[in-house]
Amino acid sequence: MPQTMTLDEKLTISNRALDLLDAGDREGYRRLLRTAPMPPYLAKVMKEKMGSDYLIRGGWNLSEAEAEFGPDWLNR
């Protein structure tokens, strides 16, 4: 099981991503944000609204959702 990311680590990623966005690197911004775990409540809503395939293809870090809902939550 992946190690949980601390709040400080998440904030560091967010700040770096915002620096990329400010520099005009929208793709770098998106790519970096996807390395931080998506909050479980948001992953659940995204699954309901966009579908499991969207989350899988998008390369999102779903480690916290998997820890909360179980490893097969996307297939249920």
C-alpha atoms as a PDB file:
ATOM      1  CA  MET A   1       0.000   0.000   0.000  1.00  0.00           C
ATOM      2  CA  PRO A   2       1.391   3.452  -0.888  1.00  0.00           C
ATOM      3  CA  GLN A   3       2.448   5.701   1.934  1.00  0.00           C
ATOM      4  CA  THR A   4       0.034   8.507   2.781  1.00  0.00           C
ATOM      5  CA  MET A   5       1.170  11.941   1.689  1.00  0.00           C
ATOM      6  CA  THR A   6       1.368  14.594   4.392  1.00  0.00           C
ATOM      7  CA  LEU A   7      -0.472  17.877   4.150  1.00  0.00           C
ATOM      8  CA  ASP A   8       2.856  19.680   3.741  1.00  0.00           C
ATOM      9  CA  GLU A   9       3.767  17.414   0.814  1.00  0.00           C
ATOM     10  CA  LYS A  10       0.396  18.077  -0.811  1.00  0.00           C
ATOM     11  CA  LEU A  11       0.793  21.835  -0.337  1.00  0.00           C
ATOM     12  CA  THR A  12       4.286  21.719  -1.839  1.00  0.00           C
ATOM     13  CA  ILE A  13       2.926  19.986  -4.936  1.00  0.00           C
ATOM     14  CA  SER A  14       0.089  22.490  -5.160  1.00  0.00           C
ATOM     15  CA  ASN A  15       2.448  25.462  -4.890  1.00  0.00           C
ATOM     16  CA  ARG A  16       4.815  24.039  -7.516  1.00  0.00           C
ATOM     17  CA  ALA A  17       1.872  23.391  -9.807  1.00  0.00           C
ATOM     18  CA  LEU A  18       0.685  26.978  -9.390  1.00  0.00           C
ATOM     19  CA  ASP A  19       4.199  28.194 -10.250  1.00  0.00           C
ATOM     20  CA  LEU A  20       3.997  26.195 -13.481  1.00  0.00           C
ATOM     21  CA  LEU A  21       0.592  27.653 -14.267  1.00  0.00           C
ATOM     22  CA  ASP A  22       1.871  31.173 -13.614  1.00  0.00           C
ATOM     23  CA  ALA A  23       4.732  30.447 -16.014  1.00  0.00           C
ATOM     24  CA  GLY A  24       2.225  29.421 -18.686  1.00  0.00           C
ATOM     25  CA  ASP A  25       2.860  25.668 -18.490  1.00  0.00           C
ATOM     26  CA  ARG A  26      -0.708  24.383 -18.302  1.00  0.00           C
ATOM     27  CA  GLU A  27       0.264  20.790 -19.161  1.00  0.00           C
ATOM     28  CA  GLY A  28       2.961  20.728 -16.475  1.00  0.00           C
ATOM     29  CA  TYR A  29       0.421  22.133 -14.029  1.00  0.00           C
ATOM     30  CA  ARG A  30      -2.087  19.374 -14.800  1.00  0.00           C
ATOM     31  CA  ARG A  31       0.525  16.643 -14.765  1.00  0.00           C
ATOM     32  CA  LEU A  32       1.955  17.706 -11.402  1.00  0.00           C
ATOM     33  CA  LEU A  33      -1.449  18.082  -9.730  1.00  0.00           C
ATOM     34  CA  ARG A  34      -2.279  14.496 -10.654  1.00  0.00           C
ATOM     35  CA  THR A  35       0.641  13.269  -8.531  1.00  0.00           C
ATOM     36  CA  ALA A  36      -1.089  14.425  -5.333  1.00  0.00           C
ATOM     37  CA  PRO A  37      -3.778  12.044  -4.049  1.00  0.00           C
ATOM     38  CA  MET A  38      -7.298  13.027  -4.998  1.00  0.00           C
ATOM     39  CA  PRO A  39      -9.433  13.327  -1.851  1.00  0.00           C
ATOM     40  CA  PRO A  40     -11.734  10.310  -1.525  1.00  0.00           C
ATOM     41  CA  TYR A  41     -14.933  12.390  -1.512  1.00  0.00           C
ATOM     42  CA  LEU A  42     -13.890  14.051  -4.779  1.00  0.00           C
ATOM     43  CA  ALA A  43     -12.872  10.748  -6.373  1.00  0.00           C
ATOM     44  CA  LYS A  44     -16.298   9.329  -5.493  1.00  0.00           C
ATOM     45  CA  VAL A  45     -18.109  12.285  -7.073  1.00  0.00           C
ATOM     46  CA  MET A  46     -15.870  12.165 -10.158  1.00  0.00           C
ATOM     47  CA  LYS A  47     -16.595   8.449 -10.539  1.00  0.00           C
ATOM     48  CA  GLU A  48     -20.345   9.101 -10.322  1.00  0.00           C
ATOM     49  CA  LYS A  49     -20.313  12.090 -12.692  1.00  0.00           C
ATOM     50  CA  MET A  50     -17.501  11.245 -15.142  1.00  0.00           C
ATOM     51  CA  GLY A  51     -17.194   7.475 -14.817  1.00  0.00           C
ATOM     52  CA  SER A  52     -14.442   5.111 -13.771  1.00  0.00           C
ATOM     53  CA  ASP A  53     -12.755   5.237 -17.176  1.00  0.00           C
ATOM     54  CA  TYR A  54     -12.198   8.975 -16.835  1.00  0.00           C
ATOM     55  CA  LEU A  55     -10.328   8.479 -13.573  1.00  0.00           C
ATOM     56  CA  ILE A  56      -8.301   5.573 -14.897  1.00  0.00           C
ATOM     57  CA  ARG A  57      -7.338   7.229 -18.197  1.00  0.00           C
ATOM     58  CA  GLY A  58      -6.618  10.531 -16.470  1.00  0.00           C
ATOM     59  CA  GLY A  59      -3.741   9.133 -14.465  1.00  0.00           C
ATOM     60  CA  TRP A  60      -5.057  10.512 -11.184  1.00  0.00           C
ATOM     61  CA  ASN A  61      -3.470   9.443  -7.908  1.00  0.00           C
ATOM     62  CA  LEU A  62      -6.341   7.531  -6.310  1.00  0.00           C
ATOM     63  CA  SER A  63      -4.373   6.039  -3.415  1.00  0.00           C
ATOM     64  CA  GLU A  64      -6.455   7.721  -0.699  1.00  0.00           C
ATOM     65  CA  ALA A  65      -9.725   6.660  -2.339  1.00  0.00           C
ATOM     66  CA  GLU A  66      -8.428   3.087  -2.624  1.00  0.00           C
ATOM     67  CA  ALA A  67      -7.451   3.144   1.050  1.00  0.00           C
ATOM     68  CA  GLU A  68     -10.912   4.363   2.058  1.00  0.00           C
ATOM     69  CA  PHE A  69     -13.144   2.462  -0.380  1.00  0.00           C
ATOM     70  CA  GLY A  70     -11.010  -0.629  -1.117  1.00  0.00           C
ATOM     71  CA  PRO A  71      -8.813  -1.525  -4.067  1.00  0.00           C
ATOM     72  CA  ASP A  72     -11.711  -2.536  -6.328  1.00  0.00           C
ATOM     73  CA  TRP A  73     -13.913   0.516  -5.700  1.00  0.00           C
ATOM     74  CA  LEU A  74     -13.668   1.714  -9.301  1.00  0.00           C
ATOM     75  CA  ASN A  75     -15.173  -1.545 -10.575  1.00  0.00           C
ATOM     76  CA  ARG A  76     -18.179  -1.519  -8.235  1.00  0.00           C
END
